[in-house]
Amino acid sequence: MPLQEQDLTRSGFNKKEIEKIKFHMTRGDSLETILKELSNQFLAVAYIASGMAVLTLLTIIFGSATHIISCVIAVVFLLTVLICVMPVRLGYKSWKLRRVHVNGPGYRS
């Protein structure tokens, strides 16, 4: 059962986000492909942020004061850049929609 615009609206996408997705669809990609790419970008940001959190905790436990300060500054800077560059909110909504839609009843690949 392919995804449609009504599925996006029911899943919490607003009109501006749907317009962004439609813009990418004009380039020839299908809705499923766009949502998959967005959800993959969200997962990449989540994994990178988790890795940076683990490194920060290890630095706090084992590092000196200078290491801790420099690590926290670097993590805050990198997370800010990631959040500004990647469409995190749109990616999260895509990930959530795909998780529910792909695992939901009536799905056929």
C-alpha atoms as a PDB file:
ATOM      1  CA  MET A   1       0.000   0.000   0.000  1.00  0.00           C
ATOM      2  CA  PRO A   2       1.881   3.084  -1.177  1.00  0.00           C
ATOM      3  CA  LEU A   3       2.099   6.220   0.927  1.00  0.00           C
ATOM      4  CA  GLN A   4      -0.003   9.225  -0.021  1.00  0.00           C
ATOM      5  CA  GLU A   5      -0.243  12.862   1.015  1.00  0.00           C
ATOM      6  CA  GLN A   6      -3.072  12.051   3.440  1.00  0.00           C
ATOM      7  CA  ASP A   7      -0.716   9.680   5.290  1.00  0.00           C
ATOM      8  CA  LEU A   8       1.766  12.539   5.672  1.00  0.00           C
ATOM      9  CA  THR A   9      -0.895  14.879   7.058  1.00  0.00           C
ATOM     10  CA  ARG A  10      -2.149  12.258   9.514  1.00  0.00           C
ATOM     11  CA  SER A  11       1.418  11.618  10.670  1.00  0.00           C
ATOM     12  CA  GLY A  12       1.984  15.230  11.687  1.00  0.00           C
ATOM     13  CA  PHE A  13       3.665  16.743   8.629  1.00  0.00           C
ATOM     14  CA  ASN A  14       2.642  20.372   8.152  1.00  0.00           C
ATOM     15  CA  LYS A  15       2.028  22.045   4.800  1.00  0.00           C
ATOM     16  CA  LYS A  16       5.526  23.527   4.593  1.00  0.00           C
ATOM     17  CA  GLU A  17       7.138  20.119   5.117  1.00  0.00           C
ATOM     18  CA  ILE A  18       4.834  18.494   2.564  1.00  0.00           C
ATOM     19  CA  GLU A  19       5.801  21.199   0.057  1.00  0.00           C
ATOM     20  CA  LYS A  20       9.495  20.404   0.638  1.00  0.00           C
ATOM     21  CA  ILE A  21       8.802  16.731  -0.012  1.00  0.00           C
ATOM     22  CA  LYS A  22       6.790  17.560  -3.155  1.00  0.00           C
ATOM     23  CA  PHE A  23       9.697  19.699  -4.393  1.00  0.00           C
ATOM     24  CA  HIS A  24      11.982  16.673  -4.169  1.00  0.00           C
ATOM     25  CA  MET A  25       9.358  14.539  -5.903  1.00  0.00           C
ATOM     26  CA  THR A  26       9.515  16.857  -8.927  1.00  0.00           C
ATOM     27  CA  ARG A  27      13.091  15.678  -9.438  1.00  0.00           C
ATOM     28  CA  GLY A  28      11.826  12.167 -10.142  1.00  0.00           C
ATOM     29  CA  ASP A  29      12.114  10.474  -6.749  1.00  0.00           C
ATOM     30  CA  SER A  30       9.184   8.585  -5.302  1.00  0.00           C
ATOM     31  CA  LEU A  31       7.654   9.483  -1.940  1.00  0.00           C
ATOM     32  CA  GLU A  32       8.923   6.249  -0.393  1.00  0.00           C
ATOM     33  CA  THR A  33      12.476   6.968  -1.573  1.00  0.00           C
ATOM     34  CA  ILE A  34      12.432  10.501  -0.170  1.00  0.00           C
ATOM     35  CA  LEU A  35      11.056   9.336   3.175  1.00  0.00           C
ATOM     36  CA  LYS A  36      13.661   6.574   3.343  1.00  0.00           C
ATOM     37  CA  GLU A  37      16.489   9.043   2.702  1.00  0.00           C
ATOM     38  CA  LEU A  38      15.141  11.481   5.299  1.00  0.00           C
ATOM     39  CA  SER A  39      14.769   8.751   7.900  1.00  0.00           C
ATOM     40  CA  ASN A  40      18.307   7.530   7.155  1.00  0.00           C
ATOM     41  CA  GLN A  41      19.605  11.077   7.676  1.00  0.00           C
ATOM     42  CA  PHE A  42      17.778  11.239  11.002  1.00  0.00           C
ATOM     43  CA  LEU A  43      19.290   7.920  12.091  1.00  0.00           C
ATOM     44  CA  ALA A  44      22.751   9.132  11.083  1.00  0.00           C
ATOM     45  CA  VAL A  45      22.342  12.257  13.225  1.00  0.00           C
ATOM     46  CA  ALA A  46      21.072  10.126  16.116  1.00  0.00           C
ATOM     47  CA  TYR A  47      24.055   7.749  15.876  1.00  0.00           C
ATOM     48  CA  ILE A  48      26.556  10.587  15.608  1.00  0.00           C
ATOM     49  CA  ALA A  49      25.002  12.397  18.585  1.00  0.00           C
ATOM     50  CA  SER A  50      25.051   9.172  20.617  1.00  0.00           C
ATOM     51  CA  GLY A  51      28.683   8.598  19.769  1.00  0.00           C
ATOM     52  CA  MET A  52      29.588  12.138  20.756  1.00  0.00           C
ATOM     53  CA  ALA A  53      27.685  11.730  24.038  1.00  0.00           C
ATOM     54  CA  VAL A  54      29.641   8.557  24.842  1.00  0.00           C
ATOM     55  CA  LEU A  55      32.938  10.270  24.028  1.00  0.00           C
ATOM     56  CA  THR A  56      31.968  13.231  26.204  1.00  0.00           C
ATOM     57  CA  LEU A  57      31.119  10.945  29.116  1.00  0.00           C
ATOM     58  CA  LEU A  58      34.419   9.110  28.740  1.00  0.00           C
ATOM     59  CA  THR A  59      36.228  12.439  28.666  1.00  0.00           C
ATOM     60  CA  ILE A  60      34.402  13.574  31.799  1.00  0.00           C
ATOM     61  CA  ILE A  61      35.299  10.347  33.597  1.00  0.00           C
ATOM     62  CA  PHE A  62      38.913   9.966  32.488  1.00  0.00           C
ATOM     63  CA  GLY A  63      39.997  13.390  31.210  1.00  0.00           C
ATOM     64  CA  SER A  64      41.486  16.452  32.769  1.00  0.00           C
ATOM     65  CA  ALA A  65      39.631  19.745  33.143  1.00  0.00           C
ATOM     66  CA  THR A  66      41.089  21.115  29.909  1.00  0.00           C
ATOM     67  CA  HIS A  67      40.082  18.005  27.988  1.00  0.00           C
ATOM     68  CA  ILE A  68      36.553  18.185  29.382  1.00  0.00           C
ATOM     69  CA  ILE A  69      36.104  21.839  28.453  1.00  0.00           C
ATOM     70  CA  SER A  70      37.468  21.391  24.928  1.00  0.00           C
ATOM     71  CA  CYS A  71      35.394  18.244  24.366  1.00  0.00           C
ATOM     72  CA  VAL A  72      32.156  19.899  25.510  1.00  0.00           C
ATOM     73  CA  ILE A  73      32.810  22.945  23.318  1.00  0.00           C
ATOM     74  CA  ALA A  74      33.530  20.715  20.307  1.00  0.00           C
ATOM     75  CA  VAL A  75      30.409  18.587  20.890  1.00  0.00           C
ATOM     76  CA  VAL A  76      28.160  21.627  21.242  1.00  0.00           C
ATOM     77  CA  PHE A  77      29.598  23.134  18.060  1.00  0.00           C
ATOM     78  CA  LEU A  78      29.285  19.914  16.056  1.00  0.00           C
ATOM     79  CA  LEU A  79      25.732  19.231  17.248  1.00  0.00           C
ATOM     80  CA  THR A  80      24.746  22.787  16.326  1.00  0.00           C
ATOM     81  CA  VAL A  81      26.172  22.335  12.837  1.00  0.00           C
ATOM     82  CA  LEU A  82      24.452  18.951  12.411  1.00  0.00           C
ATOM     83  CA  ILE A  83      21.087  20.292  13.528  1.00  0.00           C
ATOM     84  CA  CYS A  84      21.387  23.317  11.231  1.00  0.00           C
ATOM     85  CA  VAL A  85      22.512  21.316   8.180  1.00  0.00           C
ATOM     86  CA  MET A  86      20.323  18.208   8.463  1.00  0.00           C
ATOM     87  CA  PRO A  87      16.515  18.378   8.455  1.00  0.00           C
ATOM     88  CA  VAL A  88      16.217  16.626  11.827  1.00  0.00           C
ATOM     89  CA  ARG A  89      12.523  17.295  12.488  1.00  0.00           C
ATOM     90  CA  LEU A  90      11.514  16.228   8.989  1.00  0.00           C
ATOM     91  CA  GLY A  91      13.773  13.183   9.265  1.00  0.00           C
ATOM     92  CA  TYR A  92      12.249  12.176  12.600  1.00  0.00           C
ATOM     93  CA  LYS A  93       8.728  12.430  11.220  1.00  0.00           C
ATOM     94  CA  SER A  94       9.776  10.373   8.181  1.00  0.00           C
ATOM     95  CA  TRP A  95      11.433   7.758  10.385  1.00  0.00           C
ATOM     96  CA  LYS A  96       8.342   7.541  12.590  1.00  0.00           C
ATOM     97  CA  LEU A  97       5.994   7.294   9.589  1.00  0.00           C
ATOM     98  CA  ARG A  98       8.098   4.610   7.907  1.00  0.00           C
ATOM     99  CA  ARG A  99       8.372   2.614  11.125  1.00  0.00           C
ATOM    100  CA  VAL A 100       4.591   2.619  11.574  1.00  0.00           C
ATOM    101  CA  HIS A 101       3.744   2.227   7.873  1.00  0.00           C
ATOM    102  CA  VAL A 102       6.259  -0.502   7.015  1.00  0.00           C
ATOM    103  CA  ASN A 103       5.461  -2.535  10.127  1.00  0.00           C
ATOM    104  CA  GLY A 104       1.738  -1.827   9.951  1.00  0.00           C
ATOM    105  CA  PRO A 105      -0.990  -4.094   8.587  1.00  0.00           C
ATOM    106  CA  GLY A 106      -1.545  -4.247   4.864  1.00  0.00           C
ATOM    107  CA  TYR A 107       2.040  -3.431   3.899  1.00  0.00           C
ATOM    108  CA  ARG A 108       3.341  -5.133   0.785  1.00  0.00           C
ATOM    109  CA  SER A 109       6.870  -4.603  -0.458  1.00  0.00           C
END
